[in-house]
Amino acid sequence: MSNDAEPGKPDRFSNLCQTRGDQDLADLARGHGLSEAAAGAVAAIDAVMSKVRRSVQRRDFGRLILARIDPSLELSHLDAIIALSAVASDTPQDEVTVGVIAERMGIDPSRASRISADLVERGYA
């Protein structure tokens, strides 16, 4: 596996890829004709995908992005930036309204207004 770690040291993804997987899932895969190696791979992939799903639910990747861009930003700022970019690409209009941002984010317009104003003030929108 290519990585950005020093030679001889595990990369940051090693823990994800070195998992035994669910034995019941491996047994099920073998029962459906998969080889021992393939059944083990199915179980390992399932375990990795479970970790990825948990990471997405906890929004770890979004937090990592924000830490690199501007540690003072919150996840709501990232949500608004994503909503802004989605609206801008979906509808060819000159302006994106706070109401549209609120709708995209699933929040009330006053909250969307505060977040949008903060993004404008910071130079992100």
N, C-alpha and C. Protein backbone atom coordinates (compact mmCIF):
# COMPACT_ATOMS: atom_id res chain seq x y z
N MET A 1 0.85 -1.18 0.00
CA MET A 1 0.00 0.00 0.00
C MET A 1 0.89 1.23 0.00
N SER A 2 0.62 2.18 -0.88
CA SER A 2 1.40 3.41 -0.86
C SER A 2 0.88 4.29 0.26
N ASN A 3 1.81 5.01 0.87
CA ASN A 3 1.41 5.87 1.97
C ASN A 3 2.39 7.01 2.10
N ASP A 4 2.09 7.90 3.00
CA ASP A 4 2.97 9.04 3.21
C ASP A 4 3.74 8.91 4.51
N ALA A 5 3.78 7.71 5.08
CA ALA A 5 4.51 7.47 6.33
C ALA A 5 5.98 7.19 6.01
N GLU A 6 6.80 7.27 7.04
CA GLU A 6 8.21 6.95 6.88
C GLU A 6 8.34 5.46 6.58
N PRO A 7 9.39 5.08 5.82
CA PRO A 7 9.59 3.66 5.54
C PRO A 7 9.68 2.85 6.83
N GLY A 8 9.02 1.70 6.84
CA GLY A 8 9.05 0.84 8.01
C GLY A 8 8.02 1.18 9.06
N LYS A 9 7.34 2.30 8.90
CA LYS A 9 6.30 2.69 9.86
C LYS A 9 4.93 2.55 9.20
N PRO A 10 3.94 2.12 9.96
CA PRO A 10 2.60 1.99 9.36
C PRO A 10 2.02 3.36 9.02
N ASP A 11 1.24 3.40 7.95
CA ASP A 11 0.60 4.66 7.59
C ASP A 11 -0.66 4.85 8.41
N ARG A 12 -1.32 5.98 8.23
CA ARG A 12 -2.48 6.31 9.04
C ARG A 12 -3.70 5.44 8.73
N PHE A 13 -3.64 4.65 7.65
CA PHE A 13 -4.76 3.81 7.29
C PHE A 13 -4.55 2.35 7.69
N SER A 14 -3.40 2.02 8.25
CA SER A 14 -3.09 0.63 8.56
C SER A 14 -4.10 -0.01 9.48
N ASN A 15 -4.54 0.71 10.50
CA ASN A 15 -5.50 0.13 11.43
C ASN A 15 -6.81 -0.22 10.74
N LEU A 16 -7.19 0.55 9.74
CA LEU A 16 -8.41 0.25 9.01
C LEU A 16 -8.28 -1.05 8.23
N CYS A 17 -7.11 -1.28 7.68
CA CYS A 17 -6.93 -2.40 6.77
C CYS A 17 -6.46 -3.67 7.47
N GLN A 18 -6.09 -3.59 8.72
CA GLN A 18 -5.63 -4.77 9.44
C GLN A 18 -6.70 -5.19 10.45
N THR A 19 -7.78 -5.64 9.91
CA THR A 19 -8.88 -6.09 10.77
C THR A 19 -9.24 -7.51 10.38
N ARG A 20 -9.65 -8.29 11.33
CA ARG A 20 -9.98 -9.69 11.08
C ARG A 20 -11.35 -9.83 10.43
N GLY A 21 -12.25 -8.96 10.72
CA GLY A 21 -13.57 -9.05 10.14
C GLY A 21 -14.51 -9.90 10.97
N ASP A 22 -15.71 -10.02 10.52
CA ASP A 22 -16.77 -10.75 11.22
C ASP A 22 -16.75 -12.22 10.79
N GLN A 23 -16.52 -13.10 11.73
CA GLN A 23 -16.43 -14.53 11.43
C GLN A 23 -17.74 -15.07 10.86
N ASP A 24 -18.88 -14.58 11.35
CA ASP A 24 -20.17 -15.04 10.83
C ASP A 24 -20.33 -14.67 9.36
N LEU A 25 -19.88 -13.47 9.00
CA LEU A 25 -19.97 -13.04 7.60
C LEU A 25 -19.05 -13.90 6.73
N ALA A 26 -17.86 -14.20 7.23
CA ALA A 26 -16.94 -15.06 6.48
C ALA A 26 -17.55 -16.46 6.29
N ASP A 27 -18.17 -16.98 7.35
CA ASP A 27 -18.82 -18.29 7.24
C ASP A 27 -19.94 -18.26 6.20
N LEU A 28 -20.72 -17.20 6.20
CA LEU A 28 -21.80 -17.04 5.22
C LEU A 28 -21.24 -16.99 3.81
N ALA A 29 -20.16 -16.24 3.62
CA ALA A 29 -19.54 -16.14 2.30
C ALA A 29 -19.02 -17.50 1.83
N ARG A 30 -18.36 -18.23 2.74
CA ARG A 30 -17.88 -19.57 2.38
C ARG A 30 -19.06 -20.49 2.04
N GLY A 31 -20.15 -20.35 2.78
CA GLY A 31 -21.34 -21.16 2.53
C GLY A 31 -21.96 -20.89 1.17
N HIS A 32 -21.66 -19.73 0.59
CA HIS A 32 -22.17 -19.39 -0.74
C HIS A 32 -21.12 -19.63 -1.83
N GLY A 33 -20.10 -20.42 -1.49
CA GLY A 33 -19.16 -20.85 -2.51
C GLY A 33 -17.89 -20.04 -2.64
N LEU A 34 -17.68 -19.05 -1.81
CA LEU A 34 -16.45 -18.27 -1.90
C LEU A 34 -15.30 -19.04 -1.25
N SER A 35 -14.11 -18.82 -1.77
CA SER A 35 -12.93 -19.47 -1.21
C SER A 35 -12.64 -18.90 0.18
N GLU A 36 -11.76 -19.55 0.90
CA GLU A 36 -11.37 -19.09 2.24
C GLU A 36 -10.81 -17.67 2.17
N ALA A 37 -9.94 -17.42 1.19
CA ALA A 37 -9.34 -16.09 1.05
C ALA A 37 -10.40 -15.05 0.70
N ALA A 38 -11.29 -15.39 -0.22
CA ALA A 38 -12.34 -14.44 -0.62
C ALA A 38 -13.29 -14.17 0.54
N ALA A 39 -13.64 -15.20 1.29
CA ALA A 39 -14.54 -15.01 2.44
C ALA A 39 -13.89 -14.12 3.49
N GLY A 40 -12.61 -14.32 3.73
CA GLY A 40 -11.88 -13.46 4.67
C GLY A 40 -11.83 -12.02 4.18
N ALA A 41 -11.65 -11.86 2.87
CA ALA A 41 -11.61 -10.51 2.29
C ALA A 41 -12.97 -9.83 2.42
N VAL A 42 -14.05 -10.57 2.19
CA VAL A 42 -15.40 -10.01 2.34
C VAL A 42 -15.61 -9.51 3.76
N ALA A 43 -15.21 -10.32 4.73
CA ALA A 43 -15.38 -9.92 6.13
C ALA A 43 -14.52 -8.71 6.47
N ALA A 44 -13.28 -8.68 5.96
CA ALA A 44 -12.40 -7.55 6.23
C ALA A 44 -12.93 -6.27 5.59
N ILE A 45 -13.43 -6.38 4.35
CA ILE A 45 -14.00 -5.22 3.67
C ILE A 45 -15.21 -4.71 4.42
N ASP A 46 -16.05 -5.62 4.89
CA ASP A 46 -17.23 -5.22 5.67
C ASP A 46 -16.82 -4.47 6.93
N ALA A 47 -15.78 -4.95 7.61
CA ALA A 47 -15.31 -4.29 8.83
C ALA A 47 -14.78 -2.89 8.53
N VAL A 48 -14.03 -2.76 7.44
CA VAL A 48 -13.51 -1.45 7.05
C VAL A 48 -14.66 -0.51 6.69
N MET A 49 -15.63 -1.02 5.93
CA MET A 49 -16.77 -0.18 5.55
C MET A 49 -17.56 0.26 6.78
N SER A 50 -17.66 -0.59 7.78
CA SER A 50 -18.34 -0.20 9.02
C SER A 50 -17.61 0.95 9.70
N LYS A 51 -16.28 0.88 9.70
CA LYS A 51 -15.49 1.97 10.29
C LYS A 51 -15.66 3.26 9.49
N VAL A 52 -15.70 3.14 8.17
CA VAL A 52 -15.90 4.31 7.32
C VAL A 52 -17.27 4.93 7.60
N ARG A 53 -18.31 4.09 7.68
CA ARG A 53 -19.65 4.61 7.97
C ARG A 53 -19.69 5.34 9.31
N ARG A 54 -19.07 4.75 10.34
CA ARG A 54 -19.03 5.42 11.64
C ARG A 54 -18.29 6.75 11.56
N SER A 55 -17.20 6.77 10.80
CA SER A 55 -16.43 7.99 10.65
C SER A 55 -17.25 9.07 9.95
N VAL A 56 -18.00 8.68 8.93
CA VAL A 56 -18.85 9.63 8.21
C VAL A 56 -19.94 10.15 9.14
N GLN A 57 -20.54 9.26 9.91
CA GLN A 57 -21.60 9.68 10.84
C GLN A 57 -21.08 10.65 11.88
N ARG A 58 -19.84 10.44 12.34
CA ARG A 58 -19.25 11.35 13.33
C ARG A 58 -18.68 12.60 12.67
N ARG A 59 -18.65 12.60 11.35
CA ARG A 59 -18.18 13.73 10.55
C ARG A 59 -16.69 14.01 10.77
N ASP A 60 -15.93 12.94 10.97
CA ASP A 60 -14.50 13.08 11.20
C ASP A 60 -13.79 13.77 10.04
N PHE A 61 -14.16 13.41 8.80
CA PHE A 61 -13.50 13.98 7.64
C PHE A 61 -13.77 15.48 7.55
N GLY A 62 -15.01 15.89 7.80
CA GLY A 62 -15.34 17.32 7.80
C GLY A 62 -14.55 18.08 8.84
N ARG A 63 -14.40 17.49 10.01
CA ARG A 63 -13.60 18.13 11.07
C ARG A 63 -12.14 18.26 10.66
N LEU A 64 -11.62 17.24 9.99
CA LEU A 64 -10.24 17.28 9.51
C LEU A 64 -10.06 18.38 8.48
N ILE A 65 -11.00 18.49 7.56
CA ILE A 65 -10.94 19.55 6.54
C ILE A 65 -10.94 20.92 7.21
N LEU A 66 -11.86 21.11 8.15
CA LEU A 66 -11.95 22.40 8.83
C LEU A 66 -10.68 22.72 9.61
N ALA A 67 -10.09 21.73 10.23
CA ALA A 67 -8.85 21.96 10.99
C ALA A 67 -7.74 22.44 10.08
N ARG A 68 -7.73 21.96 8.84
CA ARG A 68 -6.69 22.38 7.90
C ARG A 68 -6.99 23.73 7.26
N ILE A 69 -8.25 24.00 7.00
CA ILE A 69 -8.63 25.27 6.36
C ILE A 69 -8.58 26.41 7.35
N ASP A 70 -9.32 26.26 8.43
CA ASP A 70 -9.44 27.32 9.44
C ASP A 70 -10.03 26.69 10.70
N PRO A 71 -9.20 26.46 11.71
CA PRO A 71 -9.68 25.79 12.93
C PRO A 71 -10.83 26.50 13.64
N SER A 72 -11.05 27.77 13.34
CA SER A 72 -12.15 28.48 14.00
C SER A 72 -13.50 28.21 13.34
N LEU A 73 -13.49 27.56 12.16
CA LEU A 73 -14.75 27.24 11.50
C LEU A 73 -15.42 26.06 12.19
N GLU A 74 -16.74 26.02 12.11
CA GLU A 74 -17.53 24.93 12.68
C GLU A 74 -18.13 24.11 11.55
N LEU A 75 -18.66 22.95 11.90
CA LEU A 75 -19.27 22.09 10.88
C LEU A 75 -20.42 22.78 10.17
N SER A 76 -21.13 23.65 10.85
CA SER A 76 -22.23 24.38 10.20
C SER A 76 -21.69 25.28 9.09
N HIS A 77 -20.48 25.81 9.25
CA HIS A 77 -19.87 26.60 8.18
C HIS A 77 -19.60 25.72 6.96
N LEU A 78 -19.06 24.53 7.21
CA LEU A 78 -18.80 23.60 6.11
C LEU A 78 -20.10 23.22 5.41
N ASP A 79 -21.14 22.96 6.19
CA ASP A 79 -22.45 22.64 5.60
C ASP A 79 -22.93 23.76 4.70
N ALA A 80 -22.77 24.99 5.16
CA ALA A 80 -23.21 26.15 4.37
C ALA A 80 -22.38 26.30 3.10
N ILE A 81 -21.08 26.10 3.21
CA ILE A 81 -20.22 26.18 2.02
C ILE A 81 -20.62 25.12 1.00
N ILE A 82 -20.89 23.92 1.47
CA ILE A 82 -21.33 22.84 0.58
C ILE A 82 -22.69 23.19 -0.04
N ALA A 83 -23.60 23.73 0.77
CA ALA A 83 -24.91 24.13 0.25
C ALA A 83 -24.77 25.23 -0.78
N LEU A 84 -23.91 26.20 -0.51
CA LEU A 84 -23.67 27.29 -1.46
C LEU A 84 -23.15 26.76 -2.78
N SER A 85 -22.18 25.88 -2.72
CA SER A 85 -21.61 25.36 -3.97
C SER A 85 -22.62 24.51 -4.72
N ALA A 86 -23.45 23.76 -4.00
CA ALA A 86 -24.47 22.94 -4.66
C ALA A 86 -25.52 23.80 -5.32
N VAL A 87 -25.98 24.84 -4.63
CA VAL A 87 -26.99 25.74 -5.19
C VAL A 87 -26.42 26.46 -6.39
N ALA A 88 -25.20 26.94 -6.28
CA ALA A 88 -24.59 27.69 -7.38
C ALA A 88 -24.45 26.82 -8.63
N SER A 89 -24.16 25.54 -8.45
CA SER A 89 -24.01 24.67 -9.62
C SER A 89 -25.35 24.16 -10.14
N ASP A 90 -26.37 24.10 -9.27
CA ASP A 90 -27.68 23.60 -9.68
C ASP A 90 -28.51 24.63 -10.44
N THR A 91 -28.41 25.87 -10.02
CA THR A 91 -29.26 26.91 -10.61
C THR A 91 -28.42 28.07 -11.10
N PRO A 92 -28.51 28.37 -12.38
CA PRO A 92 -27.74 29.50 -12.91
C PRO A 92 -28.42 30.83 -12.57
N GLN A 93 -28.20 31.28 -11.36
CA GLN A 93 -28.79 32.56 -10.96
C GLN A 93 -27.67 33.45 -10.43
N ASP A 94 -27.95 34.74 -10.39
CA ASP A 94 -26.94 35.70 -9.96
C ASP A 94 -26.70 35.63 -8.46
N GLU A 95 -27.75 35.39 -7.68
CA GLU A 95 -27.62 35.39 -6.23
C GLU A 95 -28.21 34.13 -5.64
N VAL A 96 -27.62 33.70 -4.54
CA VAL A 96 -28.14 32.58 -3.78
C VAL A 96 -28.75 33.18 -2.52
N THR A 97 -30.02 32.91 -2.28
CA THR A 97 -30.69 33.52 -1.14
C THR A 97 -30.46 32.72 0.14
N VAL A 98 -30.61 33.40 1.25
CA VAL A 98 -30.50 32.76 2.56
C VAL A 98 -31.58 31.68 2.70
N GLY A 99 -32.75 31.94 2.14
CA GLY A 99 -33.84 30.96 2.20
C GLY A 99 -33.46 29.66 1.51
N VAL A 100 -32.79 29.76 0.38
CA VAL A 100 -32.36 28.56 -0.34
C VAL A 100 -31.30 27.82 0.47
N ILE A 101 -30.37 28.56 1.07
CA ILE A 101 -29.35 27.94 1.92
C ILE A 101 -30.00 27.25 3.11
N ALA A 102 -30.96 27.92 3.74
CA ALA A 102 -31.67 27.34 4.89
C ALA A 102 -32.36 26.04 4.48
N GLU A 103 -33.00 26.07 3.33
CA GLU A 103 -33.70 24.88 2.85
C GLU A 103 -32.72 23.74 2.60
N ARG A 104 -31.61 24.03 1.94
CA ARG A 104 -30.60 23.01 1.65
C ARG A 104 -30.00 22.42 2.92
N MET A 105 -29.83 23.26 3.94
CA MET A 105 -29.21 22.80 5.19
C MET A 105 -30.23 22.22 6.16
N GLY A 106 -31.51 22.47 5.90
CA GLY A 106 -32.55 21.97 6.80
C GLY A 106 -32.59 22.72 8.12
N ILE A 107 -32.31 24.03 8.05
CA ILE A 107 -32.32 24.86 9.26
C ILE A 107 -33.22 26.06 9.03
N ASP A 108 -33.49 26.81 10.10
CA ASP A 108 -34.36 27.97 9.94
C ASP A 108 -33.58 29.11 9.28
N PRO A 109 -34.29 30.00 8.57
CA PRO A 109 -33.63 31.08 7.83
C PRO A 109 -32.77 32.01 8.70
N SER A 110 -33.18 32.24 9.95
CA SER A 110 -32.38 33.14 10.78
C SER A 110 -31.01 32.52 11.09
N ARG A 111 -30.98 31.22 11.31
CA ARG A 111 -29.69 30.54 11.55
C ARG A 111 -28.86 30.56 10.27
N ALA A 112 -29.48 30.29 9.14
CA ALA A 112 -28.78 30.33 7.86
C ALA A 112 -28.23 31.72 7.59
N SER A 113 -28.98 32.73 7.97
CA SER A 113 -28.54 34.11 7.79
C SER A 113 -27.28 34.40 8.61
N ARG A 114 -27.28 33.96 9.86
CA ARG A 114 -26.11 34.20 10.72
C ARG A 114 -24.87 33.47 10.19
N ILE A 115 -25.07 32.22 9.78
CA ILE A 115 -23.94 31.44 9.25
C ILE A 115 -23.43 32.07 7.96
N SER A 116 -24.35 32.45 7.08
CA SER A 116 -23.97 33.07 5.81
C SER A 116 -23.23 34.38 6.03
N ALA A 117 -23.74 35.20 6.93
CA ALA A 117 -23.08 36.48 7.23
C ALA A 117 -21.67 36.25 7.77
N ASP A 118 -21.52 35.24 8.61
CA ASP A 118 -20.21 34.93 9.16
C ASP A 118 -19.25 34.47 8.06
N LEU A 119 -19.74 33.66 7.13
CA LEU A 119 -18.91 33.21 6.02
C LEU A 119 -18.49 34.36 5.12
N VAL A 120 -19.42 35.28 4.87
CA VAL A 120 -19.11 36.46 4.06
C VAL A 120 -18.06 37.30 4.77
N GLU A 121 -18.25 37.52 6.06
CA GLU A 121 -17.31 38.32 6.85
C GLU A 121 -15.91 37.70 6.84
N ARG A 122 -15.84 36.39 6.87
CA ARG A 122 -14.55 35.69 6.88
C ARG A 122 -13.95 35.56 5.48
N GLY A 123 -14.73 35.89 4.45
CA GLY A 123 -14.23 35.81 3.09
C GLY A 123 -14.41 34.46 2.41
N TYR A 124 -15.26 33.61 2.97
CA TYR A 124 -15.48 32.29 2.38
C TYR A 124 -16.68 32.26 1.44
N ALA A 125 -17.44 33.32 1.39
CA ALA A 125 -18.62 33.37 0.51
C ALA A 125 -18.76 34.78 -0.05
